[in-house]
Amino acid sequence: MKTTRARLSPLHHWNGHRRHSQRVDRQRVPGRFGPAVALLTCLLVPGVLTGCAELPLPNITSVPAQPPQAEAKKPSQTQQTFKKPAEYITPAPAPTPAPVIGTAPVPQQVIVESAPTLKPPSGIEGQPTRIGLLLPLSGPSGATELGQAMLNAAMLALFDIGGQRLLLMPRDTGGTPHGAVQAAAELVGEGAEIILGPLFNTSVEAAAVITQSRGVPMISFSSDRRVAGDGVYILSFTPSQEVGAVIGFAAARGLHRIAALLPDDLYGLAVLDAMREAVERHGAELARAEFYSPDGEELDKSVKRLGDYHARRQALLSHRKELEASASESSKLMLEALKKHDTMGELDFDAVLLPEGGELLKSLAPLLPYYDIDTTEIRLLGTGRWDDPKLRLEPALIGGWFAGADRAAAISFRNRYKAVYGQTPPRLASLAFDAMALAAVLGQEAGGPDFTNRAITNPDGFVGSDGIFRFGPDGVAQRGMAVLEIERDGFRVRQKAPSTFEALTN
C-alpha cells in the first residue's frame, strides 16, 4: 500500500495556501499571550515591525508565557509543499542562531479576539473553524511549565499552517479532572468542533463525558491507551510502541534473555505488559522483572534482587574458603584473581530494560555495575524517557539502546521552537504542535472542516514533528520509531525511523 494521503508535514512542507490572518481566542488563557502572538508576527514579517509595536497588549495576570526571542530575518521567496511520508526529508539544522520561520505568504496582521458564548458552527458562512485546546496552565499538578510550552508549540503550528478561518481557543484545566470538565463544557458550548488535550489520563476520562455526549472528537496528549476510543484519540508515545521497537531491535541482534527493572506504578505495569507482548512477538524471553519505588527510596535493594547479588556474593565467599584450604599454587593464583570480584556466577539475562528518565535514571543506572551487573556486557535498553543529552555523562548508560522519535524531525522542531521562544522545548511539546497542525489541515479541507473519524484515522497517516504517525481503529496513535545508542559525544542512530507505514508493516 502506498502512502497517498500523507498531508501533514508541518515542520518543513507548506501547502502554500493564502493566509490573511490567524485567530487566537485569549479568553481565560494565563500568560502574556498577546506579546507572544505579536512577536511571532514580527518574526514572520519583518516589514510589519512598526505595526507589531503598536499592537495593544492584553492585561492578563496569570501564569506568564515565554515570549519569542528569535531575531527576525527576511523570509525566503521559495514556497514549499506538503509531501508524502516517503518523500519527507528533514534538512540539517541551520547553523545560524535564528532560522527563517516562514516561506509562504504571511498575514499583515494578527487578529486576537475573544470567543463569545454559543457561537454558531463554522458551517455557517463567514464563521471560523473553532479548535479547543485543554492544558494545565495553572494549579497544583506541577505541569504548568509543560502546559505553557505545549501552548507555545500549538501557537507555532497555528502560524505555520493555520489559515484565515481557524480560531484557536485555549483553556486552562488547572491540572485537575474537575477543571478539565468545566473547560471542555465551556469549549463545546462556544462551538468548538474539535478539542486538543488534555494532558493527564484522569482529565481525559472526565472531559470525554462532555465531548462524547456532543459528538466532538478529542485528540488527547495522554499515553494511557485505556482512555482511547469512541471519539477520543491519544497522540502521545505509548509504552507498547517504544518497548516493542527497542526489544525487536535487541532480539534481532542476538539478545534474547531480557530482564526488566521497573517503577512500581501504573507506568511500570504498562511497560511490563508491553514487554511480555514484545518478547513473545520477537522470539525472546522475559528472564526476570524487579520493581523499585518511584520516589527513589532503597534503589539498591531492587538492583541487588535483579542481579541476584546475595546468592552470587555467597558463592564467591564459599569458593574463596575452598581455595584457601588448598596449598596449591593454582589456588593461590585464583585467590589473587578473585580479589577484584565481589560476586561469582553468571547472570541469566543478556539485557535489562530500564524505562526511567531524569534524575532517577541517573541515580539508578550506576547501581547496576556497582552490584556486579556489568553494563559493558549486559546491554541496557530504554524508552523515550532516555531522550536527554545529559545522559551521555553517565558511564553506565554508554552503549545503551533506546527507542525514540525520528531524530532529524525531532531536532528540527526543537531548533525552530528555540529560535522563536528562546529555550529548548520539553519532549512532549511536540505533541501539541502535531495536534494543532493536524487540526489545521483537517479544518481547511476543500469541502469544509472534516473532523470525522474517517479523516482522523486516515490509514496512510501523517508526517509530524516526531516522524510518521496515524491513529488506529482503537484511537491509539501508531508511530514509526527510531532506535538510538548513547555515546560519549551524544546519540547515534542505530536504526532509522520508517518514512511510511508500508515500510513499518513489511
Protein backbone atom coordinates (compact mmCIF):
# COMPACT_ATOMS: atom_id res chain seq x y z
CA MET A 1 0.00 0.00 0.00
CA LYS A 2 1.44 3.35 -0.99
CA THR A 3 1.12 6.37 1.21
CA THR A 4 -1.09 8.51 -0.95
CA ARG A 5 -2.62 10.92 1.51
CA ALA A 6 0.04 11.89 3.98
CA ARG A 7 -0.80 15.57 4.06
CA LEU A 8 0.55 16.67 7.42
CA SER A 9 4.16 17.70 7.36
CA PRO A 10 4.07 20.94 9.31
CA LEU A 11 7.74 21.32 10.07
CA HIS A 12 9.18 21.51 6.61
CA HIS A 13 6.45 21.38 3.98
CA TRP A 14 3.99 24.20 3.38
CA ASN A 15 0.76 23.90 1.41
CA GLY A 16 1.13 27.41 0.03
CA HIS A 17 -2.47 28.45 0.72
CA ARG A 18 -3.21 32.14 1.23
CA ARG A 19 -3.39 33.15 4.89
CA HIS A 20 -4.79 36.59 5.74
CA SER A 21 -4.97 36.13 9.50
CA GLN A 22 -4.78 33.59 12.30
CA ARG A 23 -7.13 33.92 15.21
CA VAL A 24 -6.46 33.04 18.81
CA ASP A 25 -9.10 33.33 21.48
CA ARG A 26 -7.33 34.75 24.51
CA GLN A 27 -10.26 34.32 26.87
CA ARG A 28 -9.06 32.88 30.23
CA VAL A 29 -5.63 31.95 28.90
CA PRO A 30 -2.92 32.62 31.52
CA GLY A 31 0.22 34.33 30.35
CA ARG A 32 1.42 37.19 28.19
CA PHE A 33 -0.30 35.69 25.18
CA GLY A 34 -0.60 38.98 23.32
CA PRO A 35 3.16 39.64 23.21
CA ALA A 36 3.82 36.10 22.01
CA VAL A 37 1.37 36.48 19.12
CA ALA A 38 2.63 39.94 18.28
CA LEU A 39 6.27 38.93 18.29
CA LEU A 40 5.56 35.87 16.18
CA THR A 41 4.08 38.19 13.59
CA CYS A 42 7.20 40.33 13.75
CA LEU A 43 9.30 37.24 13.19
CA LEU A 44 7.23 36.18 10.23
CA VAL A 45 7.03 39.60 8.57
CA PRO A 46 9.94 41.98 9.15
CA GLY A 47 8.08 44.58 7.15
CA VAL A 48 5.34 44.97 9.76
CA LEU A 49 7.56 45.61 12.77
CA THR A 50 6.05 49.05 13.21
CA GLY A 51 2.54 47.67 13.26
CA CYS A 52 3.59 44.97 15.72
CA ALA A 53 4.98 47.56 18.07
CA GLU A 54 1.61 49.26 18.11
CA LEU A 55 -0.45 46.17 18.94
CA PRO A 56 -2.25 46.60 22.30
CA LEU A 57 -1.24 44.06 24.93
CA PRO A 58 -3.92 42.26 26.97
CA ASN A 59 -3.99 42.78 30.71
CA ILE A 60 -3.80 39.13 31.77
CA THR A 61 -2.09 38.36 35.07
CA SER A 62 -1.80 34.61 35.46
CA VAL A 63 0.99 32.14 34.53
CA PRO A 64 3.38 34.06 32.24
CA ALA A 65 4.03 32.74 28.74
CA GLN A 66 7.55 32.60 27.37
CA PRO A 67 7.78 35.36 24.74
CA PRO A 68 9.56 34.60 21.49
CA GLN A 69 13.09 35.91 21.36
CA ALA A 70 14.37 34.98 17.89
CA GLU A 71 15.91 37.65 15.68
CA ALA A 72 13.69 38.49 12.71
CA LYS A 73 15.06 37.52 9.34
CA LYS A 74 13.91 38.10 5.81
CA PRO A 75 11.76 35.17 4.63
CA SER A 76 12.63 33.13 1.60
CA GLN A 77 10.65 33.64 -1.57
CA THR A 78 10.51 29.91 -2.39
CA GLN A 79 7.32 28.16 -1.43
CA GLN A 80 7.26 24.58 -0.24
CA THR A 81 4.52 22.00 -0.48
CA PHE A 82 3.31 19.12 1.59
CA LYS A 83 4.77 15.76 0.60
CA LYS A 84 4.03 12.15 1.22
CA PRO A 85 5.89 10.49 4.10
CA ALA A 86 8.05 8.58 1.64
CA GLU A 87 9.33 11.91 0.33
CA TYR A 88 9.76 13.50 3.72
CA ILE A 89 13.30 14.78 4.02
CA THR A 90 14.46 16.77 7.02
CA PRO A 91 17.16 19.33 6.32
CA ALA A 92 20.13 19.65 8.62
CA PRO A 93 19.66 22.21 11.43
CA ALA A 94 20.58 25.70 10.23
CA PRO A 95 23.90 26.97 11.58
CA THR A 96 22.52 30.47 12.07
CA PRO A 97 21.06 31.28 15.51
CA ALA A 98 17.64 32.22 14.17
CA PRO A 99 16.23 30.05 11.34
CA VAL A 100 13.66 31.57 8.98
CA ILE A 101 10.19 30.58 10.12
CA GLY A 102 8.03 31.04 7.05
CA THR A 103 8.25 30.76 3.31
CA ALA A 104 4.62 31.16 2.24
CA PRO A 105 2.64 34.45 2.08
CA VAL A 106 2.07 35.66 5.63
CA PRO A 107 -0.59 37.77 7.30
CA GLN A 108 -0.26 41.53 7.53
CA GLN A 109 -1.85 41.47 10.95
CA VAL A 110 -2.91 39.01 13.61
CA ILE A 111 -6.48 39.12 14.85
CA VAL A 112 -6.75 38.20 18.51
CA GLU A 113 -10.35 38.05 19.60
CA SER A 114 -12.44 36.71 22.44
CA ALA A 115 -14.94 33.94 21.76
CA PRO A 116 -18.47 34.90 22.82
CA THR A 117 -20.61 32.15 24.28
CA LEU A 118 -22.62 29.86 21.99
CA LYS A 119 -21.25 30.90 18.63
CA PRO A 120 -22.69 29.12 15.59
CA PRO A 121 -20.63 26.33 13.97
CA SER A 122 -18.22 27.14 11.18
CA GLY A 123 -20.51 25.61 8.57
CA ILE A 124 -22.33 28.93 8.51
CA GLU A 125 -20.87 31.36 6.00
CA GLY A 126 -18.19 33.61 7.45
CA GLN A 127 -17.70 31.72 10.70
CA PRO A 128 -14.22 30.44 11.65
CA THR A 129 -13.40 26.84 12.48
CA ARG A 130 -13.11 26.66 16.27
CA ILE A 131 -10.37 24.46 17.75
CA GLY A 132 -10.33 23.96 21.52
CA LEU A 133 -7.13 23.33 23.49
CA LEU A 134 -7.08 21.97 27.06
CA LEU A 135 -3.83 22.34 29.02
CA PRO A 136 -2.71 22.57 32.67
CA LEU A 137 -1.68 26.23 32.73
CA SER A 138 -2.12 26.62 36.48
CA GLY A 139 -2.83 24.56 39.56
CA PRO A 140 -1.02 22.07 41.79
CA SER A 141 -0.21 19.43 39.16
CA GLY A 142 3.40 20.55 38.73
CA ALA A 143 2.91 20.52 34.96
CA THR A 144 2.27 24.21 34.39
CA GLU A 145 5.62 24.76 32.67
CA LEU A 146 4.89 21.85 30.35
CA GLY A 147 1.40 23.20 29.74
CA GLN A 148 2.77 26.61 28.78
CA ALA A 149 5.36 25.03 26.47
CA MET A 150 2.63 22.99 24.77
CA LEU A 151 0.59 26.15 24.30
CA ASN A 152 3.61 27.81 22.71
CA ALA A 153 4.06 24.83 20.38
CA ALA A 154 0.40 24.90 19.36
CA MET A 155 0.70 28.61 18.56
CA LEU A 156 3.77 27.90 16.45
CA ALA A 157 1.83 25.32 14.43
CA LEU A 158 -1.09 27.72 14.03
CA PHE A 159 1.17 30.32 12.48
CA ASP A 160 2.97 27.73 10.35
CA ILE A 161 -0.06 26.32 8.53
CA GLY A 162 -3.13 27.88 10.11
CA GLY A 163 -5.46 29.65 7.71
CA GLN A 164 -7.72 32.68 7.98
CA ARG A 165 -10.69 30.54 9.04
CA LEU A 166 -9.11 28.97 12.14
CA LEU A 167 -9.79 30.12 15.70
CA LEU A 168 -7.68 28.56 18.48
CA MET A 169 -9.42 28.59 21.87
CA PRO A 170 -7.00 27.58 24.68
CA ARG A 171 -8.45 26.84 28.12
CA ASP A 172 -6.80 26.09 31.45
CA THR A 173 -7.74 22.80 33.14
CA GLY A 174 -5.89 23.62 36.35
CA GLY A 175 -4.36 20.16 36.08
CA THR A 176 -7.47 18.51 37.57
CA PRO A 177 -10.32 16.37 36.18
CA HIS A 178 -12.85 18.87 37.52
CA GLY A 179 -11.10 21.71 35.73
CA ALA A 180 -10.97 19.65 32.53
CA VAL A 181 -14.74 19.03 32.68
CA GLN A 182 -15.50 22.70 33.17
CA ALA A 183 -13.16 23.80 30.37
CA ALA A 184 -14.45 21.14 27.97
CA ALA A 185 -18.08 22.12 28.64
CA GLU A 186 -17.14 25.74 28.03
CA LEU A 187 -15.46 24.96 24.72
CA VAL A 188 -18.31 22.78 23.48
CA GLY A 189 -20.77 25.50 24.42
CA GLU A 190 -18.76 28.02 22.43
CA GLY A 191 -18.84 25.89 19.30
CA ALA A 192 -15.50 24.03 19.34
CA GLU A 193 -15.57 21.41 16.59
CA ILE A 194 -12.53 19.50 17.84
CA ILE A 195 -10.69 19.59 21.16
CA LEU A 196 -6.94 19.05 21.61
CA GLY A 197 -5.80 17.75 25.01
CA PRO A 198 -6.00 17.41 27.93
CA LEU A 199 -2.71 16.00 29.20
CA PHE A 200 -3.49 13.63 32.10
CA ASN A 201 -5.43 10.39 31.72
CA THR A 202 -7.84 11.25 34.56
CA SER A 203 -8.59 14.59 32.93
CA VAL A 204 -9.14 12.87 29.57
CA GLU A 205 -11.64 10.46 31.12
CA ALA A 206 -13.51 13.29 32.79
CA ALA A 207 -13.61 15.59 29.77
CA ALA A 208 -14.64 12.73 27.46
CA VAL A 209 -18.03 12.61 29.14
CA ILE A 210 -18.69 16.09 27.74
CA THR A 211 -17.17 15.66 24.27
CA GLN A 212 -18.67 12.24 23.59
CA SER A 213 -22.17 13.41 24.55
CA ARG A 214 -21.90 16.20 21.94
CA GLY A 215 -20.05 14.18 19.29
CA VAL A 216 -16.95 16.38 19.42
CA PRO A 217 -13.69 14.49 18.74
CA MET A 218 -10.86 14.89 21.24
CA ILE A 219 -7.17 14.33 20.47
CA SER A 220 -5.59 13.98 23.89
CA PHE A 221 -1.95 14.03 24.97
CA SER A 222 -2.20 11.07 27.33
CA SER A 223 -0.23 7.85 26.81
CA ASP A 224 -2.84 5.71 28.60
CA ARG A 225 -4.47 3.64 25.88
CA ARG A 226 -7.33 2.74 28.23
CA VAL A 227 -8.90 6.19 27.75
CA ALA A 228 -8.95 5.94 23.93
CA GLY A 229 -11.97 5.08 21.81
CA ASP A 230 -15.43 6.41 20.92
CA GLY A 231 -14.17 9.72 19.59
CA VAL A 232 -11.23 10.02 21.98
CA TYR A 233 -7.74 9.67 20.49
CA ILE A 234 -4.36 9.58 22.25
CA LEU A 235 -1.44 11.14 20.43
CA SER A 236 1.34 10.51 22.96
CA PHE A 237 4.01 7.82 22.85
CA THR A 238 2.70 4.59 24.37
CA PRO A 239 4.87 2.02 26.19
CA SER A 240 3.89 -0.68 23.69
CA GLN A 241 5.40 1.24 20.76
CA GLU A 242 8.66 2.14 22.47
CA VAL A 243 9.18 -1.19 24.21
CA GLY A 244 8.30 -3.14 21.08
CA ALA A 245 10.78 -1.16 18.97
CA VAL A 246 13.78 -1.49 21.28
CA ILE A 247 13.17 -5.15 22.16
CA GLY A 248 12.69 -6.01 18.50
CA PHE A 249 15.98 -4.30 17.70
CA ALA A 250 17.79 -6.11 20.55
CA ALA A 251 16.36 -9.53 19.69
CA ALA A 252 17.41 -9.13 16.05
CA ARG A 253 20.98 -8.71 17.34
CA GLY A 254 21.03 -11.85 19.43
CA LEU A 255 19.85 -10.55 22.81
CA HIS A 256 17.03 -12.92 23.69
CA ARG A 257 17.08 -13.11 27.50
CA ILE A 258 15.83 -9.75 28.68
CA ALA A 259 15.25 -8.63 32.26
CA ALA A 260 13.40 -5.53 33.44
CA LEU A 261 13.85 -3.04 36.26
CA LEU A 262 10.59 -1.10 36.51
CA PRO A 263 8.96 1.63 38.60
CA ASP A 264 6.29 0.24 40.90
CA ASP A 265 3.41 2.24 39.45
CA LEU A 266 0.88 2.13 36.63
CA TYR A 267 3.51 3.09 34.06
CA GLY A 268 5.77 0.25 35.20
CA LEU A 269 2.91 -2.23 34.92
CA ALA A 270 2.08 -0.95 31.43
CA VAL A 271 5.72 -1.41 30.41
CA LEU A 272 5.71 -4.95 31.81
CA ASP A 273 2.60 -5.83 29.79
CA ALA A 274 4.17 -4.33 26.67
CA MET A 275 7.37 -6.24 27.33
CA ARG A 276 5.56 -9.58 27.60
CA GLU A 277 3.92 -8.95 24.24
CA ALA A 278 7.18 -7.82 22.65
CA VAL A 279 9.34 -10.76 23.74
CA GLU A 280 6.72 -13.21 22.50
CA ARG A 281 6.43 -11.41 19.17
CA HIS A 282 10.20 -11.25 18.62
CA GLY A 283 11.16 -14.70 19.86
CA ALA A 284 12.82 -13.53 23.08
CA GLU A 285 12.05 -14.28 26.73
CA LEU A 286 11.39 -12.27 29.86
CA ALA A 287 14.15 -13.52 32.15
CA ARG A 288 13.04 -11.66 35.27
CA ALA A 289 11.44 -8.40 36.41
CA GLU A 290 12.04 -6.35 39.52
CA PHE A 291 10.33 -3.20 40.75
CA TYR A 292 11.63 -0.16 42.59
CA SER A 293 9.91 2.69 44.41
CA PRO A 294 9.17 5.63 42.09
CA ASP A 295 10.19 8.00 44.88
CA GLY A 296 13.76 6.65 44.68
CA GLU A 297 13.91 5.03 48.11
CA GLU A 298 16.06 1.89 48.61
CA LEU A 299 17.00 1.56 44.96
CA ASP A 300 19.97 -0.60 45.93
CA LYS A 301 17.69 -3.36 47.22
CA SER A 302 15.89 -3.58 43.88
CA VAL A 303 19.16 -3.73 41.96
CA LYS A 304 20.54 -6.43 44.28
CA ARG A 305 17.43 -8.56 43.68
CA LEU A 306 17.73 -8.08 39.93
CA GLY A 307 21.36 -9.23 39.90
CA ASP A 308 20.83 -11.98 42.49
CA TYR A 309 23.61 -10.22 44.37
CA HIS A 310 23.41 -12.00 47.75
CA ALA A 311 23.47 -15.52 46.25
CA ARG A 312 26.35 -14.65 43.94
CA ARG A 313 28.21 -12.98 46.79
CA GLN A 314 27.83 -16.06 48.95
CA ALA A 315 29.04 -18.25 46.10
CA LEU A 316 32.23 -16.17 45.90
CA LEU A 317 32.89 -16.36 49.65
CA SER A 318 32.40 -20.14 49.67
CA HIS A 319 34.76 -20.58 46.74
CA ARG A 320 37.40 -18.48 48.47
CA LYS A 321 37.26 -20.71 51.52
CA GLU A 322 37.77 -23.78 49.35
CA LEU A 323 40.78 -22.21 47.67
CA GLU A 324 42.24 -21.03 50.97
CA ALA A 325 42.09 -24.61 52.25
CA SER A 326 44.27 -25.72 49.37
CA ALA A 327 48.01 -25.12 49.39
CA SER A 328 48.49 -25.45 45.62
CA GLU A 329 49.99 -22.66 43.56
CA SER A 330 47.00 -22.62 41.24
CA SER A 331 44.70 -21.98 44.21
CA LYS A 332 46.83 -19.04 45.28
CA LEU A 333 46.68 -17.57 41.79
CA MET A 334 42.89 -17.95 41.69
CA LEU A 335 42.54 -16.30 45.08
CA GLU A 336 44.57 -13.38 43.85
CA ALA A 337 42.34 -13.03 40.80
CA LEU A 338 39.16 -13.18 42.92
CA LYS A 339 40.24 -10.14 44.91
CA LYS A 340 38.89 -7.99 42.07
CA HIS A 341 35.41 -9.53 42.30
CA ASP A 342 32.51 -9.13 44.71
CA THR A 343 30.35 -11.94 43.30
CA MET A 344 30.66 -15.16 41.37
CA GLY A 345 28.36 -16.76 38.83
CA GLU A 346 26.71 -15.87 35.53
CA LEU A 347 23.55 -13.81 35.19
CA ASP A 348 20.57 -15.31 33.42
CA PHE A 349 19.92 -12.33 31.11
CA ASP A 350 21.64 -10.53 28.22
CA ALA A 351 19.94 -7.15 28.54
CA VAL A 352 18.00 -5.05 31.06
CA LEU A 353 15.07 -2.82 30.15
CA LEU A 354 15.24 0.33 32.29
CA PRO A 355 12.32 2.62 31.30
CA GLU A 356 13.22 5.51 33.58
CA GLY A 357 14.37 9.07 32.94
CA GLY A 358 15.72 12.22 34.50
CA GLU A 359 17.50 12.32 37.85
CA LEU A 360 16.08 8.98 38.95
CA LEU A 361 17.68 7.23 35.97
CA LYS A 362 21.00 8.91 36.80
CA SER A 363 20.74 7.52 40.34
CA LEU A 364 19.61 4.07 39.27
CA ALA A 365 21.97 3.30 36.37
CA PRO A 366 25.31 3.39 38.26
CA LEU A 367 23.95 0.96 40.86
CA LEU A 368 23.93 -1.85 38.30
CA PRO A 369 27.70 -2.09 37.78
CA TYR A 370 28.25 -1.33 41.47
CA TYR A 371 26.36 -4.52 42.33
CA ASP A 372 28.09 -6.59 39.66
CA ILE A 373 25.72 -6.21 36.72
CA ASP A 374 28.41 -5.37 34.20
CA THR A 375 26.91 -2.90 31.73
CA THR A 376 29.80 -3.44 29.33
CA GLU A 377 28.48 -6.99 28.85
CA ILE A 378 24.80 -6.63 29.77
CA ARG A 379 23.11 -4.22 27.34
CA LEU A 380 20.84 -1.58 28.88
CA LEU A 381 17.63 -0.79 27.00
CA GLY A 382 15.38 2.24 27.41
CA THR A 383 12.35 4.14 26.18
CA GLY A 384 11.85 7.71 25.00
CA ARG A 385 12.48 8.87 28.56
CA TRP A 386 16.17 8.45 27.73
CA ASP A 387 15.97 11.24 25.16
CA ASP A 388 18.10 13.56 27.29
CA PRO A 389 21.53 14.76 26.09
CA LYS A 390 22.79 14.87 29.68
CA LEU A 391 22.59 11.08 29.99
CA ARG A 392 25.81 10.69 27.98
CA LEU A 393 27.60 11.86 31.14
CA GLU A 394 26.58 8.68 32.99
CA PRO A 395 29.17 5.95 32.19
CA ALA A 396 26.80 3.07 32.94
CA LEU A 397 24.46 4.22 30.16
CA ILE A 398 27.11 4.47 27.45
CA GLY A 399 26.27 1.90 24.79
CA GLY A 400 22.63 1.67 25.87
CA TRP A 401 19.89 1.50 23.22
CA PHE A 402 16.54 3.26 23.41
CA ALA A 403 13.53 3.83 21.19
CA GLY A 404 12.77 7.42 20.24
CA ALA A 405 11.20 9.71 17.70
CA ASP A 406 12.51 10.31 14.20
CA ARG A 407 15.77 12.04 15.08
CA ALA A 408 16.01 14.53 12.22
CA ALA A 409 12.39 15.63 12.61
CA ALA A 410 12.69 15.98 16.40
CA ILE A 411 15.88 18.06 16.15
CA SER A 412 14.32 20.32 13.54
CA PHE A 413 11.30 21.01 15.76
CA ARG A 414 13.48 21.72 18.78
CA ASN A 415 15.64 24.15 16.83
CA ARG A 416 12.64 26.04 15.47
CA TYR A 417 10.94 26.21 18.85
CA LYS A 418 14.12 27.50 20.49
CA ALA A 419 14.59 30.08 17.75
CA VAL A 420 11.15 31.52 18.49
CA TYR A 421 10.85 31.12 22.26
CA GLY A 422 14.48 31.23 23.33
CA GLN A 423 14.55 27.89 25.14
CA THR A 424 14.58 24.17 24.38
CA PRO A 425 11.07 22.66 24.44
CA PRO A 426 10.23 19.77 26.76
CA ARG A 427 9.85 16.47 24.99
CA LEU A 428 6.03 16.42 24.98
CA ALA A 429 5.68 19.91 23.48
CA SER A 430 5.83 18.36 20.02
CA LEU A 431 2.51 16.62 20.70
CA ALA A 432 0.71 19.97 20.87
CA PHE A 433 2.43 21.11 17.67
CA ASP A 434 1.33 17.99 15.78
CA ALA A 435 -2.20 18.05 17.18
CA MET A 436 -2.66 21.68 16.16
CA ALA A 437 -1.14 21.05 12.74
CA LEU A 438 -3.43 18.06 12.20
CA ALA A 439 -6.48 20.06 13.24
CA ALA A 440 -5.42 22.89 10.91
CA VAL A 441 -5.06 20.54 7.96
CA LEU A 442 -8.39 18.78 8.55
CA GLY A 443 -10.07 22.09 9.29
CA GLN A 444 -9.18 23.52 5.89
CA GLU A 445 -10.48 20.79 3.60
CA ALA A 446 -11.85 21.95 0.26
CA GLY A 447 -15.34 20.83 1.22
CA GLY A 448 -15.18 22.33 4.70
CA PRO A 449 -13.78 21.13 8.04
CA ASP A 450 -13.58 17.33 8.25
CA PHE A 451 -13.08 16.09 11.79
CA THR A 452 -14.78 12.76 11.20
CA ASN A 453 -13.34 9.51 12.48
CA ARG A 454 -12.63 8.52 8.88
CA ALA A 455 -10.47 11.60 8.32
CA ILE A 456 -8.64 11.38 11.65
CA THR A 457 -7.89 7.67 11.25
CA ASN A 458 -6.64 8.00 7.67
CA PRO A 459 -4.61 4.76 7.29
CA ASP A 460 -1.94 6.46 5.19
CA GLY A 461 -1.00 8.54 8.21
CA PHE A 462 0.70 11.90 8.55
CA VAL A 463 4.19 13.28 8.97
CA GLY A 464 4.69 15.36 12.10
CA SER A 465 7.44 16.81 14.23
CA ASP A 466 8.29 13.35 15.62
CA GLY A 467 8.04 11.43 12.35
CA ILE A 468 5.13 9.50 10.87
CA PHE A 469 2.00 8.75 12.87
CA ARG A 470 -1.55 7.60 12.37
CA PHE A 471 -4.48 6.64 14.57
CA GLY A 472 -5.63 3.05 14.69
CA PRO A 473 -9.27 1.97 14.91
CA ASP A 474 -8.86 1.95 18.70
CA GLY A 475 -7.92 5.63 18.72
CA VAL A 476 -4.30 4.98 19.74
CA ALA A 477 -1.56 6.70 17.76
CA GLN A 478 0.77 4.38 15.88
CA ARG A 479 4.27 5.70 15.24
CA GLY A 480 7.42 4.85 13.36
CA MET A 481 10.18 4.68 15.98
CA ALA A 482 13.92 5.05 15.63
CA VAL A 483 16.47 3.23 17.82
CA LEU A 484 19.37 5.27 19.18
CA GLU A 485 22.55 4.49 21.08
CA ILE A 486 24.05 6.66 23.80
CA GLU A 487 27.65 7.59 23.06
CA ARG A 488 30.04 9.88 24.90
CA ASP A 489 29.52 12.68 22.40
CA GLY A 490 25.75 12.29 22.03
CA PHE A 491 23.24 9.96 20.37
CA ARG A 492 23.89 7.78 17.34
CA VAL A 493 21.02 6.49 15.23
CA ARG A 494 21.29 2.70 15.08
CA GLN A 495 18.01 2.19 13.23
CA LYS A 496 16.25 4.97 11.34
CA ALA A 497 12.57 5.59 11.83
CA PRO A 498 10.48 4.39 8.86
CA SER A 499 9.21 7.05 6.48
CA THR A 500 5.99 5.23 5.56
CA PHE A 501 3.70 2.80 7.31
CA GLU A 502 4.15 0.44 4.38
CA ALA A 503 7.81 0.09 5.39
CA LEU A 504 6.78 -0.37 9.02
CA THR A 505 4.41 -3.27 8.31
CA ASN A 506 6.60 -5.12 5.80
